[in-house]
Amino acid sequence: MSSPAVRRLWTILASVVLVVVIVALQRFVVPEQDQLDPIPTSGTADAAVATDDFTAEVVESGVSTALEAAGTEGTTEQVEANGVWVAVWVRVTAEHTTIDAMHAELRMDDGTIYSERGWFTDSLARADFSPGITVYGAFVFEVPQDRLDRPALLLTNATGLDRRLGAQADIDLALTDPAPSDEPIALLPPEVQMGDSADASE
């Protein structure tokens, strides 16, 4: 029979091994937040980004201190920004089912996120996306000028405010030093594009 000292040593060694195993296994445990986050597909503004639910292609980006948008009774109005307006023109094509809530955000290099508020009736955030039909329009963001730093566009297929495990396009806009224009950005209604007008090679 082993002595009490030997048994005590084996007990200590077993405890140490158990602690090491537990610590190692914790490295493979996915945090709950990460289990529910949108599923991103990354890309850049020079190519279409295809997620499981939709394809998005950034066509153009613009920065200005003013926005020209639809007003009442068919008129237009110029809206000054508290900072700058960032408009991102995108072609979006739903793949399988209708998307009626495309959540748009602008993420800066430091991780700060600005949401598309949907204030303007002609914003692409107000559009519905039917399968196989390309819709072209602009998402509009109001951003403090001094915080505009290497923005990326985040588009997430969301059901209402629920974005858990939603398909997400994460698109680098390649705006390294965007100086705002004094000319207002004209925000036009979204349009359906068919055939050559929706060709990503344009």
Protein backbone atom coordinates (compact mmCIF):
# COMPACT_ATOMS: atom_id res chain seq x y z
CA MET A 1 0.00 0.00 0.00
CA SER A 2 1.15 3.53 -0.72
CA SER A 3 1.97 5.81 2.13
CA PRO A 4 -0.26 8.77 3.10
CA ALA A 5 2.39 11.13 1.71
CA VAL A 6 2.29 9.44 -1.71
CA ARG A 7 -1.52 9.48 -1.77
CA ARG A 8 -1.48 13.16 -0.84
CA LEU A 9 0.98 13.85 -3.67
CA TRP A 10 -1.23 12.04 -6.18
CA THR A 11 -4.25 14.02 -4.95
CA ILE A 12 -2.39 17.30 -5.42
CA LEU A 13 -1.22 16.29 -8.91
CA ALA A 14 -4.74 15.24 -9.91
CA SER A 15 -6.11 18.58 -8.69
CA VAL A 16 -3.49 20.50 -10.66
CA VAL A 17 -4.24 18.51 -13.82
CA LEU A 18 -7.98 19.11 -13.36
CA VAL A 19 -7.45 22.87 -13.01
CA VAL A 20 -5.27 22.94 -16.14
CA VAL A 21 -7.90 21.00 -18.11
CA ILE A 22 -10.70 23.35 -16.97
CA VAL A 23 -8.68 26.44 -17.93
CA ALA A 24 -7.87 24.93 -21.33
CA LEU A 25 -11.51 24.05 -22.02
CA GLN A 26 -12.65 27.58 -21.15
CA ARG A 27 -10.64 28.86 -24.11
CA PHE A 28 -13.01 26.94 -26.39
CA VAL A 29 -16.20 28.26 -24.80
CA VAL A 30 -17.84 30.89 -27.04
CA PRO A 31 -19.20 33.87 -25.05
CA GLU A 32 -22.98 34.16 -25.13
CA GLN A 33 -22.79 37.54 -26.88
CA ASP A 34 -20.68 36.06 -29.68
CA GLN A 35 -23.20 33.23 -30.08
CA LEU A 36 -25.92 35.78 -30.87
CA ASP A 37 -23.96 38.38 -32.87
CA PRO A 38 -24.67 38.85 -36.59
CA ILE A 39 -22.67 36.61 -38.91
CA PRO A 40 -20.39 38.95 -40.91
CA THR A 41 -19.04 38.64 -44.43
CA SER A 42 -16.25 41.15 -45.01
CA GLY A 43 -15.37 42.94 -48.22
CA THR A 44 -14.39 46.22 -49.79
CA ALA A 45 -16.12 48.88 -51.83
CA ASP A 46 -14.58 47.68 -55.10
CA ALA A 47 -16.50 44.38 -55.20
CA ALA A 48 -19.89 42.91 -54.35
CA VAL A 49 -20.16 41.25 -50.93
CA ALA A 50 -22.35 38.14 -50.83
CA THR A 51 -23.88 36.99 -47.52
CA ASP A 52 -26.23 34.05 -47.01
CA ASP A 53 -29.28 36.33 -47.26
CA PHE A 54 -28.30 39.16 -49.62
CA THR A 55 -25.62 40.66 -51.84
CA ALA A 56 -24.49 44.26 -51.39
CA GLU A 57 -22.31 46.32 -53.71
CA VAL A 58 -21.13 49.79 -52.74
CA VAL A 59 -21.22 52.00 -55.83
CA GLU A 60 -20.20 55.37 -54.40
CA SER A 61 -19.74 57.29 -51.15
CA GLY A 62 -20.08 61.00 -50.51
CA VAL A 63 -19.50 63.40 -47.62
CA SER A 64 -21.15 66.81 -47.34
CA THR A 65 -22.30 69.35 -44.79
CA ALA A 66 -25.79 69.46 -46.35
CA LEU A 67 -28.34 67.04 -47.75
CA GLU A 68 -31.05 67.76 -50.30
CA ALA A 69 -34.03 65.53 -49.54
CA ALA A 70 -37.71 65.24 -50.35
CA GLY A 71 -39.91 67.66 -48.47
CA THR A 72 -43.66 68.10 -48.32
CA GLU A 73 -45.97 68.27 -51.35
CA GLY A 74 -43.29 67.26 -53.82
CA THR A 75 -40.79 69.91 -52.79
CA THR A 76 -37.18 69.41 -51.75
CA GLU A 77 -35.48 70.81 -48.70
CA GLN A 78 -31.86 71.29 -47.73
CA VAL A 79 -30.93 69.82 -44.36
CA GLU A 80 -27.74 70.93 -42.64
CA ALA A 81 -25.82 68.32 -40.67
CA ASN A 82 -24.68 68.58 -37.07
CA GLY A 83 -21.30 67.48 -38.36
CA VAL A 84 -21.37 65.92 -41.82
CA TRP A 85 -23.66 63.70 -43.84
CA VAL A 86 -22.15 60.49 -45.15
CA ALA A 87 -24.15 58.97 -48.00
CA VAL A 88 -23.35 55.49 -49.28
CA TRP A 89 -24.97 54.39 -52.54
CA VAL A 90 -25.46 50.64 -52.62
CA ARG A 91 -27.01 47.95 -54.78
CA VAL A 92 -28.77 45.36 -52.61
CA THR A 93 -30.21 42.07 -53.85
CA ALA A 94 -32.07 39.71 -51.51
CA GLU A 95 -31.19 36.07 -52.19
CA HIS A 96 -33.96 33.83 -50.85
CA THR A 97 -36.69 35.69 -48.98
CA THR A 98 -37.99 39.24 -48.78
CA ILE A 99 -35.97 41.51 -46.50
CA ASP A 100 -38.10 44.22 -44.93
CA ALA A 101 -35.66 45.45 -42.29
CA MET A 102 -32.10 46.13 -43.46
CA HIS A 103 -30.22 47.58 -40.49
CA ALA A 104 -27.46 49.95 -41.65
CA GLU A 105 -24.57 51.22 -39.53
CA LEU A 106 -21.31 53.08 -40.10
CA ARG A 107 -18.39 51.80 -38.02
CA MET A 108 -15.31 53.96 -37.52
CA ASP A 109 -11.75 52.70 -37.18
CA ASP A 110 -11.93 53.03 -33.38
CA GLY A 111 -15.07 50.88 -33.24
CA THR A 112 -17.56 53.74 -32.77
CA ILE A 113 -20.83 52.98 -34.57
CA TYR A 114 -23.38 55.40 -36.04
CA SER A 115 -26.79 54.08 -37.08
CA GLU A 116 -28.86 55.02 -40.11
CA ARG A 117 -31.85 56.68 -38.45
CA GLY A 118 -34.28 56.27 -41.32
CA TRP A 119 -35.30 59.92 -41.02
CA PHE A 120 -35.57 60.42 -44.78
CA THR A 121 -38.31 58.77 -46.81
CA ASP A 122 -35.95 58.23 -49.75
CA SER A 123 -33.30 56.45 -47.68
CA LEU A 124 -32.55 52.88 -48.70
CA ALA A 125 -33.20 51.97 -45.05
CA ARG A 126 -36.92 52.41 -45.81
CA ALA A 127 -36.90 49.99 -48.75
CA ASP A 128 -38.07 46.39 -49.00
CA PHE A 129 -35.91 43.89 -50.88
CA SER A 130 -37.56 41.08 -52.83
CA PRO A 131 -35.58 37.98 -53.84
CA GLY A 132 -33.61 38.37 -57.05
CA ILE A 133 -34.49 42.05 -57.52
CA THR A 134 -31.69 44.61 -57.21
CA VAL A 135 -32.56 47.86 -55.45
CA TYR A 136 -30.23 50.85 -55.74
CA GLY A 137 -30.20 53.77 -53.35
CA ALA A 138 -28.36 55.52 -50.53
CA PHE A 139 -28.00 54.99 -46.82
CA VAL A 140 -27.44 58.28 -44.98
CA PHE A 141 -25.53 58.81 -41.73
CA GLU A 142 -24.94 61.92 -39.63
CA VAL A 143 -21.45 61.85 -38.14
CA PRO A 144 -19.27 64.37 -36.25
CA GLN A 145 -16.65 65.46 -38.77
CA ASP A 146 -13.75 64.83 -36.40
CA ARG A 147 -14.92 61.24 -35.84
CA LEU A 148 -15.03 60.30 -39.51
CA ASP A 149 -12.12 57.87 -39.67
CA ARG A 150 -11.85 54.96 -42.13
CA PRO A 151 -15.56 54.09 -42.03
CA ALA A 152 -16.98 50.68 -42.85
CA LEU A 153 -20.60 50.05 -43.82
CA LEU A 154 -22.40 47.35 -41.84
CA LEU A 155 -25.62 45.98 -43.36
CA THR A 156 -27.55 43.40 -41.35
CA ASN A 157 -30.66 41.46 -42.26
CA ALA A 158 -32.78 42.15 -39.18
CA THR A 159 -36.29 41.26 -38.07
CA GLY A 160 -37.44 44.44 -36.40
CA LEU A 161 -34.73 45.26 -33.86
CA ASP A 162 -33.67 41.62 -33.56
CA ARG A 163 -30.30 41.10 -35.25
CA ARG A 164 -29.34 37.83 -33.57
CA LEU A 165 -27.35 35.66 -35.97
CA GLY A 166 -28.46 37.85 -38.88
CA ALA A 167 -26.46 37.85 -42.10
CA GLN A 168 -24.20 40.91 -42.17
CA ALA A 169 -22.09 42.59 -44.86
CA ASP A 170 -19.05 44.41 -43.45
CA ILE A 171 -17.73 46.67 -46.23
CA ASP A 172 -14.63 48.87 -45.98
CA LEU A 173 -15.48 52.13 -47.78
CA ALA A 174 -11.79 53.07 -48.29
CA LEU A 175 -12.42 56.68 -47.24
CA THR A 176 -9.04 57.48 -45.71
CA ASP A 177 -9.32 61.28 -45.50
CA PRO A 178 -12.74 62.39 -46.74
CA ALA A 179 -13.09 66.17 -46.87
CA PRO A 180 -16.75 67.27 -46.85
CA SER A 181 -18.16 69.04 -49.88
CA ASP A 182 -20.06 72.31 -49.63
CA GLU A 183 -22.41 71.07 -52.35
CA PRO A 184 -25.44 69.29 -50.88
CA ILE A 185 -25.85 65.60 -51.51
CA ALA A 186 -29.02 64.90 -53.50
CA LEU A 187 -30.94 62.01 -51.95
CA LEU A 188 -33.12 60.38 -54.61
CA PRO A 189 -35.68 57.60 -54.12
CA PRO A 190 -34.47 53.99 -54.31
CA GLU A 191 -34.86 52.43 -57.74
CA VAL A 192 -35.16 48.89 -59.02
CA GLN A 193 -32.37 47.98 -61.41
CA MET A 194 -32.67 45.21 -63.94
CA GLY A 195 -30.28 43.69 -66.44
CA ASP A 196 -27.23 45.74 -67.36
CA SER A 197 -28.02 48.54 -64.89
CA ALA A 198 -27.56 46.07 -62.04
CA ASP A 199 -24.41 44.48 -63.46
CA ALA A 200 -21.70 44.51 -60.80
CA SER A 201 -19.08 44.97 -63.50
CA GLU A 202 -20.25 48.51 -64.28
